[in-house]
């Protein structure tokens, strides 16, 4: 496969995952603003997870309308849903012959919806827009899983999505622990409980978590589930197990293991040996910060290994 084709597939999946992640974060923000006694600026934590905190510097309070303007409708902000969907579609169009018609239709269906949206109407219809974004991402992944040959093109597509997904989960946990909740007097209280369950909803983990831990929604166990559970598709452990698997398939296909294989294997080994007590003892913030850096190093190593 040409390196530019690999790059387009990688970034198609990554941008689409990022758009879906932004939709999930905004839903989480809406849920948190409804928590009784939520007196803080909860939207600022959403912007921080999305990597867009700088867009709201100097604003005393971020409103729903500003979130829609910057994180939903903006064509230029790298963190906005519209920008990410446009970039996903541009990358897919550049490698049109490398994806199936079902995948293209999933990206192309209603792609101008946000471009044509009026800000006030978008704010009013925000729940429907966010559901539409998540549905587009799900349909695309389903089309890829059911119609794409399991060749190197599919492997690069999966790598992009998994890298982005692991990054979002890590950022969610880091911001929840250190930005969203600095007031130690409410740790363990009702608001704390609702915020942690909001993190589960943002990762579509609420039902799966209940199957594992039943009704025990403690921060310790929620963090354990989202980092170390190898069976949940949005956990860091699951993403890295899959990243390592697809990188090994590429190594077999091209006859050479690269630095990216070793970086993925290192994180798989670290997570397999880790215990949540150890992570909390050394510091959740320190763990997530280093894991985010490792994720960035892995992405860069994939780029270098396959020349894109």
Protein backbone atom coordinates (compact mmCIF):
# COMPACT_ATOMS: atom_id res chain seq x y z
CA UNK A 1 0.00 0.00 0.00
CA UNK A 2 1.19 3.52 -0.79
CA UNK A 3 2.15 5.50 2.31
CA UNK A 4 -0.25 8.32 1.42
CA UNK A 5 -3.14 5.82 1.22
CA UNK A 6 -2.19 4.46 4.64
CA UNK A 7 -2.12 8.01 5.99
CA UNK A 8 -5.56 8.87 4.61
CA UNK A 9 -7.11 5.73 6.09
CA UNK A 10 -5.41 6.31 9.44
CA UNK A 11 -6.66 9.88 9.65
CA UNK A 12 -10.15 9.12 8.33
CA UNK A 13 -10.70 6.89 11.34
CA UNK A 14 -8.92 9.22 13.73
CA UNK A 15 -10.92 12.30 12.76
CA UNK A 16 -14.20 10.39 12.83
CA UNK A 17 -13.39 9.03 16.29
CA UNK A 18 -12.49 12.56 17.39
CA UNK A 19 -15.82 13.93 16.13
CA UNK A 20 -17.70 11.22 17.99
CA UNK A 21 -15.59 11.88 21.08
CA UNK A 22 -16.48 15.58 20.96
CA UNK A 23 -20.17 14.70 20.73
CA UNK A 24 -19.85 12.44 23.76
CA UNK A 25 -18.02 15.14 25.72
CA UNK A 26 -20.69 17.74 24.97
CA UNK A 27 -23.38 15.29 26.09
CA UNK A 28 -21.40 14.80 29.30
CA UNK A 29 -21.21 18.56 29.78
CA UNK A 30 -24.96 18.91 29.38
CA UNK A 31 -25.52 16.14 31.90
CA UNK A 32 -23.15 17.70 34.44
CA UNK A 33 -24.73 21.15 34.20
CA UNK A 34 -27.98 19.55 35.36
CA UNK A 35 -26.40 18.14 38.53
CA UNK A 36 -27.94 19.80 41.62
CA UNK A 37 -25.51 22.27 43.14
CA UNK A 38 -23.28 22.44 40.07
CA UNK A 39 -22.02 25.94 40.64
CA UNK A 40 -18.74 25.63 38.75
CA UNK A 41 -18.16 26.17 35.07
CA UNK A 42 -18.55 22.54 34.00
CA UNK A 43 -18.13 23.40 30.31
CA UNK A 44 -14.53 24.39 30.93
CA UNK A 45 -13.65 20.81 31.81
CA UNK A 46 -15.24 19.63 28.56
CA UNK A 47 -13.14 22.13 26.60
CA UNK A 48 -10.02 20.93 28.46
CA UNK A 49 -10.63 17.29 27.52
CA UNK A 50 -11.20 18.31 23.89
CA UNK A 51 -7.91 20.22 23.88
CA UNK A 52 -9.79 23.46 23.31
CA UNK A 53 -9.49 25.24 26.67
CA UNK A 54 -7.51 28.06 25.01
CA UNK A 55 -10.55 28.98 22.91
CA UNK A 56 -12.28 30.25 26.03
CA UNK A 57 -9.41 32.05 27.74
CA UNK A 58 -10.60 35.24 29.37
CA UNK A 59 -14.25 34.17 29.47
CA UNK A 60 -15.61 34.20 32.99
CA UNK A 61 -18.22 31.59 32.19
CA UNK A 62 -18.71 29.40 29.11
CA UNK A 63 -22.28 29.19 27.85
CA UNK A 64 -24.02 26.46 25.87
CA UNK A 65 -24.14 28.82 22.89
CA UNK A 66 -20.36 29.30 22.95
CA UNK A 67 -19.83 25.53 23.07
CA UNK A 68 -22.04 25.11 20.01
CA UNK A 69 -20.20 27.92 18.22
CA UNK A 70 -16.69 26.62 18.92
CA UNK A 71 -16.98 22.85 19.44
CA UNK A 72 -19.84 21.99 17.10
CA UNK A 73 -20.13 24.42 14.18
CA UNK A 74 -16.69 25.97 13.72
CA UNK A 75 -15.13 24.94 10.39
CA UNK A 76 -11.64 25.98 11.48
CA UNK A 77 -11.16 24.84 15.08
CA UNK A 78 -9.36 21.46 15.10
CA UNK A 79 -11.47 20.26 18.05
CA UNK A 80 -14.88 21.04 16.53
CA UNK A 81 -17.22 18.34 15.29
CA UNK A 82 -17.72 20.06 11.95
CA UNK A 83 -13.98 20.39 11.31
CA UNK A 84 -13.33 16.74 12.24
CA UNK A 85 -16.15 15.41 10.06
CA UNK A 86 -14.96 17.51 7.13
CA UNK A 87 -11.39 16.26 7.56
CA UNK A 88 -12.57 12.65 7.85
CA UNK A 89 -14.54 13.01 4.63
CA UNK A 90 -11.63 14.74 2.83
CA UNK A 91 -9.27 11.92 3.80
CA UNK A 92 -11.77 9.25 2.76
CA UNK A 93 -12.34 10.97 -0.58
CA UNK A 94 -8.58 11.01 -1.20
CA UNK A 95 -8.52 7.21 -0.88
CA UNK A 96 -11.98 6.57 -2.32
CA UNK A 97 -10.93 3.35 -4.04
CA UNK A 98 -9.53 2.03 -0.77
CA UNK A 99 -12.86 2.03 1.08
CA UNK A 100 -16.19 0.41 0.27
CA UNK A 101 -19.29 2.17 -1.00
CA UNK A 102 -21.02 1.52 2.33
CA UNK A 103 -18.22 3.28 4.19
CA UNK A 104 -18.32 6.26 1.83
CA UNK A 105 -22.10 6.56 2.14
CA UNK A 106 -21.78 6.59 5.93
CA UNK A 107 -19.48 9.62 5.70
CA UNK A 108 -21.31 11.30 2.85
CA UNK A 109 -24.88 11.06 4.15
CA UNK A 110 -25.96 14.52 5.24
CA UNK A 111 -22.39 15.76 5.42
CA UNK A 112 -23.44 19.37 4.95
CA UNK A 113 -25.83 19.28 7.90
CA UNK A 114 -23.55 21.28 10.18
CA UNK A 115 -22.42 23.59 7.39
CA UNK A 116 -26.01 24.67 6.80
CA UNK A 117 -26.98 24.82 10.48
CA UNK A 118 -28.03 28.11 12.03
CA UNK A 119 -26.37 28.60 15.47
CA UNK A 120 -29.64 29.18 17.31
CA UNK A 121 -31.27 26.19 15.60
CA UNK A 122 -28.21 24.05 16.32
CA UNK A 123 -28.40 24.98 20.00
CA UNK A 124 -32.07 24.06 20.10
CA UNK A 125 -31.49 20.78 18.23
CA UNK A 126 -28.20 19.94 19.94
CA UNK A 127 -29.24 16.52 21.34
CA UNK A 128 -30.37 15.38 17.89
CA UNK A 129 -27.17 16.66 16.27
CA UNK A 130 -25.00 14.83 18.78
CA UNK A 131 -26.94 11.59 18.24
CA UNK A 132 -26.53 12.03 14.47
CA UNK A 133 -22.75 12.40 14.83
CA UNK A 134 -22.48 9.28 16.97
CA UNK A 135 -24.67 7.37 14.53
CA UNK A 136 -22.46 8.39 11.57
CA UNK A 137 -19.39 7.06 13.37
CA UNK A 138 -21.12 3.82 14.33
CA UNK A 139 -22.43 3.23 10.82
CA UNK A 140 -18.98 3.85 9.35
CA UNK A 141 -17.32 1.39 11.74
CA UNK A 142 -20.05 -1.16 11.09
CA UNK A 143 -19.61 -0.78 7.35
CA UNK A 144 -15.84 -1.21 7.67
CA UNK A 145 -16.22 -4.30 9.84
CA UNK A 146 -18.74 -5.93 7.51
CA UNK A 147 -17.49 -4.94 4.07
CA UNK A 148 -13.73 -4.21 4.10
CA UNK A 149 -11.06 -6.77 3.28
CA UNK A 150 -8.77 -7.61 6.20
CA UNK A 151 -5.67 -6.25 4.54
CA UNK A 152 -3.20 -3.55 5.52
CA UNK A 153 -5.73 -0.84 4.64
CA UNK A 154 -8.10 -2.13 7.29
CA UNK A 155 -5.25 -2.33 9.79
CA UNK A 156 -4.31 1.33 9.30
CA UNK A 157 -7.96 2.35 9.62
CA UNK A 158 -8.26 0.53 12.93
CA UNK A 159 -4.97 1.95 14.23
CA UNK A 160 -6.16 5.53 13.75
CA UNK A 161 -9.42 4.94 15.57
CA UNK A 162 -7.80 3.09 18.48
CA UNK A 163 -5.11 5.72 19.03
CA UNK A 164 -7.74 8.45 19.22
CA UNK A 165 -10.05 6.43 21.46
CA UNK A 166 -7.33 5.64 24.00
CA UNK A 167 -6.34 9.31 24.06
CA UNK A 168 -9.90 10.45 24.80
CA UNK A 169 -10.35 7.98 27.67
CA UNK A 170 -7.09 9.07 29.26
CA UNK A 171 -7.91 12.77 28.92
CA UNK A 172 -11.37 12.24 30.40
CA UNK A 173 -9.91 10.62 33.50
CA UNK A 174 -7.16 13.19 33.88
CA UNK A 175 -9.44 16.20 33.60
CA UNK A 176 -12.09 14.66 35.84
CA UNK A 177 -9.55 14.07 38.55
CA UNK A 178 -7.61 17.33 38.41
CA UNK A 179 -9.67 20.03 36.68
CA UNK A 180 -13.29 19.18 37.15
CA UNK A 181 -13.03 18.42 40.84
CA UNK A 182 -10.40 20.42 42.73
CA UNK A 183 -12.66 21.03 45.73
CA UNK A 184 -11.71 18.17 48.07
CA UNK A 185 -14.69 18.81 50.33
CA UNK A 186 -17.11 17.37 47.76
CA UNK A 187 -15.10 14.24 46.95
CA UNK A 188 -17.36 11.29 47.67
CA UNK A 189 -20.49 13.44 47.77
CA UNK A 190 -23.54 13.35 45.56
CA UNK A 191 -22.09 15.68 42.97
CA UNK A 192 -18.90 13.63 42.83
CA UNK A 193 -20.97 10.49 42.24
CA UNK A 194 -22.90 12.11 39.38
CA UNK A 195 -19.72 13.40 37.77
CA UNK A 196 -18.09 9.98 37.82
CA UNK A 197 -21.19 8.34 36.36
CA UNK A 198 -21.18 11.08 33.70
CA UNK A 199 -17.71 9.86 32.71
CA UNK A 200 -19.16 6.36 32.29
CA UNK A 201 -21.95 7.73 30.09
CA UNK A 202 -19.43 9.69 28.01
CA UNK A 203 -17.67 6.41 27.17
CA UNK A 204 -20.89 4.37 26.78
CA UNK A 205 -19.68 2.32 29.71
CA UNK A 206 -22.60 2.56 32.16
CA UNK A 207 -24.28 -0.74 31.32
CA UNK A 208 -21.04 -2.68 30.84
CA UNK A 209 -19.72 -1.30 34.13
CA UNK A 210 -22.89 -2.40 35.91
CA UNK A 211 -22.38 -5.96 34.68
CA UNK A 212 -18.91 -5.99 36.23
CA UNK A 213 -19.39 -3.99 39.45
CA UNK A 214 -23.18 -3.90 39.85
CA UNK A 215 -24.20 -0.76 41.75
CA UNK A 216 -20.83 0.16 43.23
CA UNK A 217 -20.01 3.42 41.40
CA UNK A 218 -16.81 4.26 43.25
CA UNK A 219 -14.10 6.39 41.57
CA UNK A 220 -11.57 3.61 42.22
CA UNK A 221 -13.57 0.99 40.35
CA UNK A 222 -14.68 3.30 37.54
CA UNK A 223 -11.04 4.20 36.89
CA UNK A 224 -10.04 0.54 37.05
CA UNK A 225 -12.73 -0.29 34.48
CA UNK A 226 -11.75 2.47 32.05
CA UNK A 227 -8.00 1.82 32.26
CA UNK A 228 -7.40 -1.85 33.00
CA UNK A 229 -10.45 -3.84 31.89
CA UNK A 230 -9.31 -5.71 28.73
CA UNK A 231 -12.85 -6.59 27.62
CA UNK A 232 -14.40 -3.13 27.39
CA UNK A 233 -13.86 -1.59 23.91
CA UNK A 234 -13.12 1.93 25.19
CA UNK A 235 -10.72 1.01 27.96
CA UNK A 236 -7.05 1.87 27.57
CA UNK A 237 -6.08 -1.79 28.01
CA UNK A 238 -8.45 -2.95 25.26
CA UNK A 239 -7.27 -0.25 22.86
CA UNK A 240 -3.62 -1.15 23.40
CA UNK A 241 -4.22 -4.88 23.06
CA UNK A 242 -5.85 -4.18 19.71
CA UNK A 243 -3.18 -1.68 18.67
CA UNK A 244 -0.50 -4.27 19.37
CA UNK A 245 -2.43 -6.91 17.42
CA UNK A 246 -2.87 -4.78 14.30
CA UNK A 247 0.73 -3.61 14.41
CA UNK A 248 1.86 -7.24 14.57
CA UNK A 249 -0.31 -8.02 11.54
CA UNK A 250 1.37 -5.16 9.68
CA UNK A 251 4.79 -6.46 10.77
CA UNK A 252 3.89 -9.86 9.31
CA UNK A 253 2.57 -8.29 6.12
CA UNK A 254 5.70 -6.18 5.57
CA UNK A 255 8.21 -8.58 7.08
CA UNK A 256 9.63 -6.24 9.71
CA UNK A 257 8.84 -5.21 13.27
CA UNK A 258 9.26 -1.48 13.94
CA UNK A 259 9.64 0.78 16.96
CA UNK A 260 5.85 1.21 17.03
CA UNK A 261 5.47 -2.53 17.70
CA UNK A 262 7.76 -2.25 20.70
CA UNK A 263 6.00 0.86 22.05
CA UNK A 264 2.59 -0.82 21.85
CA UNK A 265 3.93 -3.99 23.48
CA UNK A 266 5.47 -1.97 26.31
CA UNK A 267 2.11 -0.42 27.20
CA UNK A 268 0.30 -3.77 26.90
CA UNK A 269 2.79 -5.28 29.35
CA UNK A 270 2.57 -2.33 31.72
CA UNK A 271 -1.23 -2.43 31.85
CA UNK A 272 -1.31 -6.22 32.25
CA UNK A 273 0.94 -5.97 35.30
CA UNK A 274 -0.66 -2.85 36.82
CA UNK A 275 -3.10 -2.72 39.70
CA UNK A 276 -5.39 0.22 40.34
CA UNK A 277 -4.07 0.60 43.88
CA UNK A 278 -0.59 1.05 42.47
CA UNK A 279 -1.78 3.65 39.95
CA UNK A 280 -3.59 5.68 42.61
CA UNK A 281 -0.61 5.36 44.97
CA UNK A 282 1.81 6.79 42.43
CA UNK A 283 -0.77 9.32 41.20
CA UNK A 284 -3.55 9.02 38.63
CA UNK A 285 -2.54 12.34 37.08
CA UNK A 286 1.06 11.15 36.68
CA UNK A 287 -0.12 7.89 35.11
CA UNK A 288 -2.53 9.49 32.65
CA UNK A 289 -0.06 12.22 31.68
CA UNK A 290 2.65 9.68 30.89
CA UNK A 291 0.16 7.43 29.06
CA UNK A 292 -0.99 10.37 26.91
CA UNK A 293 2.65 11.09 26.04
CA UNK A 294 3.20 7.42 25.25
CA UNK A 295 0.15 7.49 22.98
CA UNK A 296 1.62 10.47 21.12
CA UNK A 297 4.98 8.70 20.80
CA UNK A 298 3.24 5.63 19.41
CA UNK A 299 1.35 7.71 16.84
CA UNK A 300 4.59 9.37 15.75
CA UNK A 301 6.34 6.00 15.51
CA UNK A 302 3.56 4.65 13.27
CA UNK A 303 3.96 7.68 11.01
CA UNK A 304 7.70 7.19 10.78
CA UNK A 305 7.53 3.43 10.31
CA UNK A 306 5.15 3.67 7.35
CA UNK A 307 6.41 6.97 5.93
CA UNK A 308 3.42 9.30 6.34
